[in-house]
Amino acid sequence: MVCNKPSSSSATNDRMLIDGVPATPVQNVRDLGIYIDGDLSMRTHVQRTTSSCFDALRQLRQMRRLVPTATFQTLTVALVNQRLDYGNSTLVGIPAYLMRILQSALNAAARLIVHLRRSDHITDALVSLHWLRVPERIQFKIAVQTYRVLHGNAPRYLGPLTLLLMSLVEELCALPELTVWSCLQSDWLLSAAELFRLPLPTPGTLFLNASSQLHCSHLSVI
């Protein structure tokens, strides 16, 4: 998959050739359960994830009084929290309003477990459940991934990131096109560098190497 540099313009309807095969641009695609928009906003992924979480909560509400609290909490974590956490490292840098949409699903799950009304404050409930907020969950996922990369315990497809994390010096701003993987990885590397206090390059740089092994044919997530 390829895309132009992120912009607010929507995908065109013009056909293009990829290895001689005609392809029509679409507004979004799904790869390994991750929805990627043409402008890399991740709006579709957030909306679909939140929708599936609230669908699960409506079903859980019907059985809340039929099972013990501990069992109900386990079911909620499996059906809601796992959906929010899947592939959330690709959500680095999304707008605050999209982050709030995801947080609303997590808040609703916490309220359902501890029997809170919608108007009640949610902070104490999250603390009692030992749940991180959505932005913190994303940072935690990236921190774990970065630690595993730096210590050689990461999956093989994250191996090429080791050199990039140790020397964030490559600039690709002059390239006319970037792969979707490259665009997403630039945000991942920036967040990883900030969490682990690695040296940051000068503003206006992207932490990628076009000739490296990061030009993957599909999006890989943990």
Protein backbone atom coordinates (compact mmCIF):
# COMPACT_ATOMS: atom_id res chain seq x y z
CA MET A 1 0.00 0.00 0.00
CA VAL A 2 1.24 3.47 -0.80
CA CYS A 3 -0.05 6.94 -0.08
CA ASN A 4 0.97 10.51 -0.60
CA LYS A 5 2.19 12.58 2.29
CA PRO A 6 -0.67 12.95 4.82
CA SER A 7 -3.07 15.67 3.81
CA SER A 8 -6.69 16.62 4.37
CA SER A 9 -7.70 15.87 0.80
CA SER A 10 -9.74 12.75 0.14
CA ALA A 11 -8.72 9.92 -2.15
CA THR A 12 -9.29 10.50 -5.83
CA ASN A 13 -11.31 8.25 -8.06
CA ASP A 14 -8.54 7.95 -10.68
CA ARG A 15 -7.23 4.49 -11.34
CA MET A 16 -3.53 3.76 -10.96
CA LEU A 17 -1.31 0.87 -11.89
CA ILE A 18 0.55 -1.17 -9.27
CA ASP A 19 2.85 -3.76 -10.85
CA GLY A 20 0.72 -3.51 -13.98
CA VAL A 21 -2.52 -4.23 -12.11
CA PRO A 22 -5.16 -1.47 -12.15
CA ALA A 23 -6.25 -0.35 -8.68
CA THR A 24 -8.91 2.13 -7.62
CA PRO A 25 -8.14 4.27 -4.54
CA VAL A 26 -10.56 3.87 -1.62
CA GLN A 27 -11.25 5.95 1.46
CA ASN A 28 -9.94 3.29 3.86
CA VAL A 29 -8.59 -0.25 3.95
CA ARG A 30 -8.46 -2.97 6.57
CA ASP A 31 -5.27 -4.87 7.30
CA LEU A 32 -5.01 -7.37 10.17
CA GLY A 33 -8.04 -5.77 11.80
CA ILE A 34 -6.63 -2.23 11.60
CA TYR A 35 -8.58 0.28 9.50
CA ILE A 36 -6.32 2.80 7.76
CA ASP A 37 -7.81 5.95 6.24
CA GLY A 38 -6.45 7.57 3.12
CA ASP A 39 -5.35 10.60 5.16
CA LEU A 40 -3.95 8.36 7.96
CA SER A 41 -6.32 9.96 10.48
CA MET A 42 -7.36 6.51 11.88
CA ARG A 43 -10.88 7.90 12.20
CA THR A 44 -12.52 4.79 10.76
CA HIS A 45 -10.59 2.49 13.08
CA VAL A 46 -11.57 4.52 16.14
CA GLN A 47 -15.23 4.65 15.15
CA ARG A 48 -15.48 0.95 14.37
CA THR A 49 -13.57 -0.04 17.51
CA THR A 50 -15.75 2.12 19.72
CA SER A 51 -18.91 0.83 18.06
CA SER A 52 -17.92 -2.79 18.67
CA CYS A 53 -17.08 -1.97 22.31
CA PHE A 54 -20.49 -0.43 22.97
CA ASP A 55 -22.19 -3.38 21.25
CA ALA A 56 -20.37 -5.69 23.66
CA LEU A 57 -21.34 -3.50 26.62
CA ARG A 58 -25.02 -3.66 25.70
CA GLN A 59 -24.82 -7.43 25.75
CA LEU A 60 -22.87 -7.46 29.01
CA ARG A 61 -25.42 -5.20 30.69
CA GLN A 62 -28.05 -7.90 30.31
CA MET A 63 -26.02 -10.41 32.32
CA ARG A 64 -24.49 -8.09 34.92
CA ARG A 65 -26.69 -9.42 37.75
CA LEU A 66 -26.32 -13.06 36.72
CA VAL A 67 -22.59 -13.54 37.38
CA PRO A 68 -20.19 -12.59 40.22
CA THR A 69 -18.46 -9.22 39.98
CA ALA A 70 -15.02 -10.77 39.42
CA THR A 71 -16.35 -12.88 36.55
CA PHE A 72 -18.17 -9.90 35.06
CA GLN A 73 -14.98 -7.82 35.21
CA THR A 74 -13.04 -10.57 33.44
CA LEU A 75 -15.65 -10.70 30.68
CA THR A 76 -15.58 -6.93 30.29
CA VAL A 77 -11.81 -6.88 29.99
CA ALA A 78 -11.90 -9.66 27.40
CA LEU A 79 -14.67 -8.13 25.28
CA VAL A 80 -13.99 -4.40 25.63
CA ASN A 81 -10.48 -3.65 26.87
CA GLN A 82 -8.90 -6.14 24.49
CA ARG A 83 -10.62 -4.45 21.56
CA LEU A 84 -9.33 -1.05 22.68
CA ASP A 85 -5.79 -2.39 23.12
CA TYR A 86 -5.53 -4.29 19.84
CA GLY A 87 -3.20 -2.45 17.49
CA ASN A 88 -3.38 0.70 19.63
CA SER A 89 0.28 1.48 18.96
CA THR A 90 -0.86 2.64 15.51
CA LEU A 91 -2.98 5.35 17.17
CA VAL A 92 -0.02 7.48 18.25
CA GLY A 93 -0.61 11.12 17.39
CA ILE A 94 -4.34 10.89 16.64
CA PRO A 95 -6.40 14.02 17.41
CA ALA A 96 -7.64 14.54 20.96
CA TYR A 97 -11.29 14.18 19.95
CA LEU A 98 -10.64 10.67 18.64
CA MET A 99 -8.83 9.82 21.86
CA ARG A 100 -11.87 11.00 23.82
CA ILE A 101 -14.13 8.73 21.76
CA LEU A 102 -12.01 5.72 22.71
CA GLN A 103 -11.90 6.86 26.34
CA SER A 104 -15.71 7.05 26.42
CA ALA A 105 -15.91 3.31 25.73
CA LEU A 106 -13.42 2.56 28.51
CA ASN A 107 -15.31 4.83 30.91
CA ALA A 108 -18.59 3.10 30.07
CA ALA A 109 -17.03 -0.28 30.80
CA ALA A 110 -15.74 0.92 34.17
CA ARG A 111 -19.12 2.42 35.10
CA LEU A 112 -20.84 -0.84 34.24
CA ILE A 113 -18.55 -2.84 36.52
CA VAL A 114 -18.70 -0.56 39.57
CA HIS A 115 -22.38 0.43 39.10
CA LEU A 116 -21.85 4.13 38.46
CA ARG A 117 -24.24 6.52 36.81
CA ARG A 118 -23.21 8.37 33.69
CA SER A 119 -22.93 11.64 35.64
CA ASP A 120 -20.59 10.18 38.27
CA HIS A 121 -16.86 10.86 38.15
CA ILE A 122 -14.85 8.05 36.60
CA THR A 123 -11.33 8.67 37.94
CA ASP A 124 -11.76 6.73 41.20
CA ALA A 125 -13.34 3.82 39.35
CA LEU A 126 -10.40 3.58 36.93
CA VAL A 127 -7.96 3.70 39.84
CA SER A 128 -9.82 0.98 41.76
CA LEU A 129 -9.82 -1.24 38.66
CA HIS A 130 -6.12 -0.49 38.01
CA TRP A 131 -6.96 0.62 34.46
CA LEU A 132 -4.85 3.08 32.54
CA ARG A 133 -6.54 5.73 30.44
CA VAL A 134 -6.44 5.27 26.68
CA PRO A 135 -3.46 7.62 26.03
CA GLU A 136 -1.52 5.90 28.81
CA ARG A 137 -2.40 2.46 27.42
CA ILE A 138 -0.97 3.49 24.06
CA GLN A 139 2.22 4.79 25.70
CA PHE A 140 2.52 1.60 27.73
CA LYS A 141 2.21 -0.56 24.60
CA ILE A 142 4.90 1.47 22.81
CA ALA A 143 7.15 1.38 25.87
CA VAL A 144 6.89 -2.42 26.02
CA GLN A 145 7.54 -2.74 22.29
CA THR A 146 10.53 -0.40 22.48
CA TYR A 147 12.02 -2.25 25.46
CA ARG A 148 11.70 -5.54 23.61
CA VAL A 149 13.29 -4.07 20.48
CA LEU A 150 16.23 -2.60 22.37
CA HIS A 151 16.85 -5.84 24.26
CA GLY A 152 16.48 -8.19 21.30
CA ASN A 153 13.22 -9.79 22.48
CA ALA A 154 10.94 -8.29 19.85
CA PRO A 155 9.30 -10.24 17.01
CA ARG A 156 11.40 -10.53 13.87
CA TYR A 157 9.36 -7.98 11.93
CA LEU A 158 10.33 -5.30 14.48
CA GLY A 159 14.03 -6.12 14.22
CA PRO A 160 14.90 -3.35 11.70
CA LEU A 161 13.62 -0.78 14.21
CA THR A 162 16.60 -1.43 16.47
CA LEU A 163 19.03 0.57 14.34
CA LEU A 164 16.47 3.34 13.87
CA LEU A 165 15.87 3.64 17.62
CA MET A 166 19.59 3.91 18.25
CA SER A 167 20.26 6.49 15.53
CA LEU A 168 17.26 8.65 14.63
CA VAL A 169 19.03 10.58 11.91
CA GLU A 170 17.52 9.72 8.53
CA GLU A 171 15.53 12.42 6.67
CA LEU A 172 12.87 11.58 4.10
CA CYS A 173 11.03 14.87 3.76
CA ALA A 174 12.15 15.21 0.14
CA LEU A 175 10.58 11.91 -0.93
CA PRO A 176 7.39 12.38 -3.00
CA GLU A 177 5.71 9.25 -1.65
CA LEU A 178 5.85 7.23 1.55
CA THR A 179 4.47 3.81 2.32
CA VAL A 180 1.60 3.63 4.80
CA TRP A 181 3.88 1.59 7.04
CA SER A 182 6.48 4.36 6.94
CA CYS A 183 4.00 7.09 7.85
CA LEU A 184 2.70 5.11 10.81
CA GLN A 185 6.17 4.09 11.96
CA SER A 186 7.36 7.73 12.07
CA ASP A 187 4.83 8.44 14.83
CA TRP A 188 5.76 5.18 16.57
CA LEU A 189 9.45 6.06 16.58
CA LEU A 190 8.82 9.60 17.81
CA SER A 191 6.78 8.34 20.75
CA ALA A 192 9.34 5.62 21.50
CA ALA A 193 12.15 8.17 21.51
CA GLU A 194 10.25 10.45 23.88
CA LEU A 195 9.35 7.62 26.30
CA PHE A 196 12.92 6.31 26.46
CA ARG A 197 14.53 9.78 26.25
CA LEU A 198 16.49 8.89 23.14
CA PRO A 199 18.17 11.73 21.20
CA LEU A 200 15.68 13.42 18.88
CA PRO A 201 16.64 14.74 15.44
CA THR A 202 16.03 18.30 14.35
CA PRO A 203 12.44 19.39 13.57
CA GLY A 204 11.13 18.48 10.13
CA THR A 205 12.75 15.06 9.98
CA LEU A 206 11.21 11.64 9.69
CA PHE A 207 12.75 8.72 11.51
CA LEU A 208 12.89 6.33 8.61
CA ASN A 209 15.20 4.94 5.98
CA ALA A 210 13.65 4.39 2.58
CA SER A 211 16.24 1.78 1.70
CA SER A 212 15.82 -0.15 4.95
CA GLN A 213 13.73 -3.22 5.57
CA LEU A 214 10.76 -1.20 6.78
CA HIS A 215 9.07 -1.28 3.37
CA CYS A 216 6.84 -4.14 4.48
CA SER A 217 4.07 -5.50 2.33
CA HIS A 218 1.55 -5.34 5.16
CA LEU A 219 1.01 -3.72 8.52
CA SER A 220 2.32 -5.74 11.45
CA VAL A 221 1.12 -5.19 14.98
CA ILE A 222 1.61 -6.85 18.32
